[in-house]
Protein backbone atom coordinates (compact mmCIF):
# COMPACT_ATOMS: atom_id res chain seq x y z
CA MET A 1 -0.07 0.25 0.09
CA ARG A 2 1.33 3.41 -0.91
CA GLU A 3 1.51 6.04 1.44
CA PRO A 4 -1.33 8.87 1.02
CA GLY A 5 -0.29 11.62 -1.42
CA VAL A 6 2.85 9.78 -2.79
CA GLU A 7 1.06 9.15 -6.23
CA ASP A 8 0.09 12.89 -6.16
CA ALA A 9 3.62 13.99 -5.52
CA THR A 10 5.22 11.61 -8.14
CA ARG A 11 2.84 13.07 -10.72
CA ARG A 12 3.89 16.47 -9.69
CA THR A 13 7.84 15.65 -9.98
CA ARG A 14 6.92 14.02 -13.61
CA LEU A 15 5.60 17.43 -14.57
CA ALA A 16 8.05 19.48 -12.84
CA ASN A 17 10.83 17.05 -14.96
CA GLU A 18 8.97 18.03 -18.44
CA ARG A 19 9.14 21.66 -17.38
CA THR A 20 12.60 21.31 -16.64
CA PHE A 21 13.35 19.60 -19.85
CA LEU A 22 11.97 22.40 -21.70
CA ALA A 23 13.95 24.95 -19.75
CA TRP A 24 17.20 23.28 -20.76
CA TRP A 25 15.86 23.34 -24.51
CA ARG A 26 15.10 27.11 -23.89
CA THR A 27 18.70 27.40 -22.69
CA GLY A 28 19.87 25.53 -25.60
CA LEU A 29 17.96 27.46 -28.25
CA THR A 30 19.12 30.79 -26.21
CA ALA A 31 22.81 29.88 -26.64
CA LEU A 32 22.27 28.83 -30.42
CA ALA A 33 20.85 32.28 -31.15
CA VAL A 34 23.62 33.88 -29.26
CA GLY A 35 26.34 31.58 -31.20
CA VAL A 36 24.64 32.78 -34.52
CA GLY A 37 24.53 36.48 -33.62
CA ILE A 38 28.05 36.59 -32.46
CA GLY A 39 29.71 34.17 -35.00
CA ARG A 40 27.50 35.41 -38.22
CA VAL A 41 25.62 38.49 -37.67
CA THR A 42 28.05 40.43 -35.65
CA PRO A 43 31.08 40.05 -38.09
CA GLU A 44 28.93 41.04 -41.16
CA LEU A 45 28.01 44.59 -39.35
CA THR A 46 31.37 45.55 -38.25
CA ASN A 47 34.76 45.75 -40.00
CA ALA A 48 36.42 43.81 -37.34
CA VAL A 49 38.63 40.69 -37.86
CA GLN A 50 35.85 37.80 -38.43
CA TRP A 51 37.72 34.86 -36.90
CA PRO A 52 37.35 35.59 -33.31
CA TYR A 53 33.68 36.26 -33.55
CA GLU A 54 33.50 33.15 -35.40
CA VAL A 55 35.25 30.78 -32.63
CA VAL A 56 33.27 32.41 -29.91
CA GLY A 57 29.89 31.78 -31.94
CA ALA A 58 30.96 28.22 -32.50
CA ALA A 59 31.66 27.84 -28.64
CA PHE A 60 28.23 28.93 -27.99
CA VAL A 61 26.57 26.42 -30.53
CA VAL A 62 28.65 23.88 -29.03
CA LEU A 63 27.08 24.60 -25.49
CA ALA A 64 23.83 24.71 -27.32
CA VAL A 65 24.17 21.30 -28.31
CA ALA A 66 25.51 20.11 -24.99
CA PHE A 67 22.18 21.82 -23.29
CA VAL A 68 19.83 20.11 -25.82
CA ALA A 69 22.05 16.61 -25.10
CA LEU A 70 21.81 17.59 -21.22
CA ALA A 71 18.27 18.01 -21.84
CA TYR A 72 17.32 14.53 -22.82
CA THR A 73 19.92 12.44 -20.63
CA ARG A 74 18.86 14.34 -17.26
CA THR A 75 15.08 14.10 -17.94
CA ARG A 76 15.71 10.07 -18.66
CA ALA A 77 17.81 9.81 -15.74
CA ILE A 78 15.10 11.46 -13.17
CA GLU A 79 12.43 9.42 -14.96
CA ARG A 80 14.08 6.18 -14.36
CA ALA A 81 14.78 7.32 -10.85
CA LEU A 82 11.11 7.98 -10.38
CA ASP A 83 10.13 4.60 -11.90
CA ARG A 84 12.03 2.82 -9.08
CA GLY A 85 10.83 5.01 -6.45
CA GLY A 86 14.43 6.83 -5.87
CA PHE A 87 16.12 10.37 -6.68
CA GLU A 88 18.50 11.28 -9.14
CA PRO A 89 20.96 14.10 -7.50
CA PHE A 90 22.51 16.61 -9.86
CA GLY A 91 25.74 16.03 -8.96
CA THR A 92 28.67 18.46 -8.67
CA THR A 93 30.79 17.76 -11.77
CA LEU A 94 27.94 18.81 -14.33
CA PRO A 95 27.41 22.17 -12.58
CA LEU A 96 31.25 22.82 -12.65
CA VAL A 97 31.68 22.24 -16.02
CA LEU A 98 28.51 24.38 -17.09
CA LEU A 99 30.10 27.07 -14.72
CA VAL A 100 33.23 26.95 -16.31
CA ALA A 101 31.94 27.16 -20.05
CA GLY A 102 29.60 30.22 -18.95
CA VAL A 103 32.42 31.82 -17.02
CA ALA A 104 34.71 31.07 -20.41
CA LEU A 105 32.39 32.24 -22.95
CA GLY A 106 31.13 35.17 -21.10
CA GLY A 107 34.81 36.36 -20.45
CA ALA A 108 35.38 35.82 -24.50
CA THR A 109 32.37 37.74 -25.32
CA PHE A 110 33.58 40.49 -23.03
CA LEU A 111 36.87 40.71 -24.59
CA LEU A 112 34.97 40.73 -28.13
CA ILE A 113 33.21 43.61 -27.09
CA ALA A 114 35.79 45.39 -25.42
CA PHE A 115 38.79 44.86 -27.41
CA ALA A 116 38.15 43.36 -31.14
CA ARG A 117 38.46 45.84 -33.96
């Protein structure tokens, strides 16, 4: 016999997992748009050397692909944990990797804005 409210809590958790999946996708699409903007649009509008913009733009696109892939893998891991009545912790490695990527891309974007001619 299940504890009262557990079934509803599992349903809410599954719905939250779906919303989180969509949030990962939105983040990926945003990174993709930034990559296109930095890598293709900005160099066309300026007289600056193009390759630094293209490199940073391509890095944002790689990050976008990673977010979309993570959306799937994380969602599946949570669904499997819910199926067995468990929990799937986020861990510490992935947030650290995303932090480093965000800081690196933010710094590179700052350098492009401040110094690229």
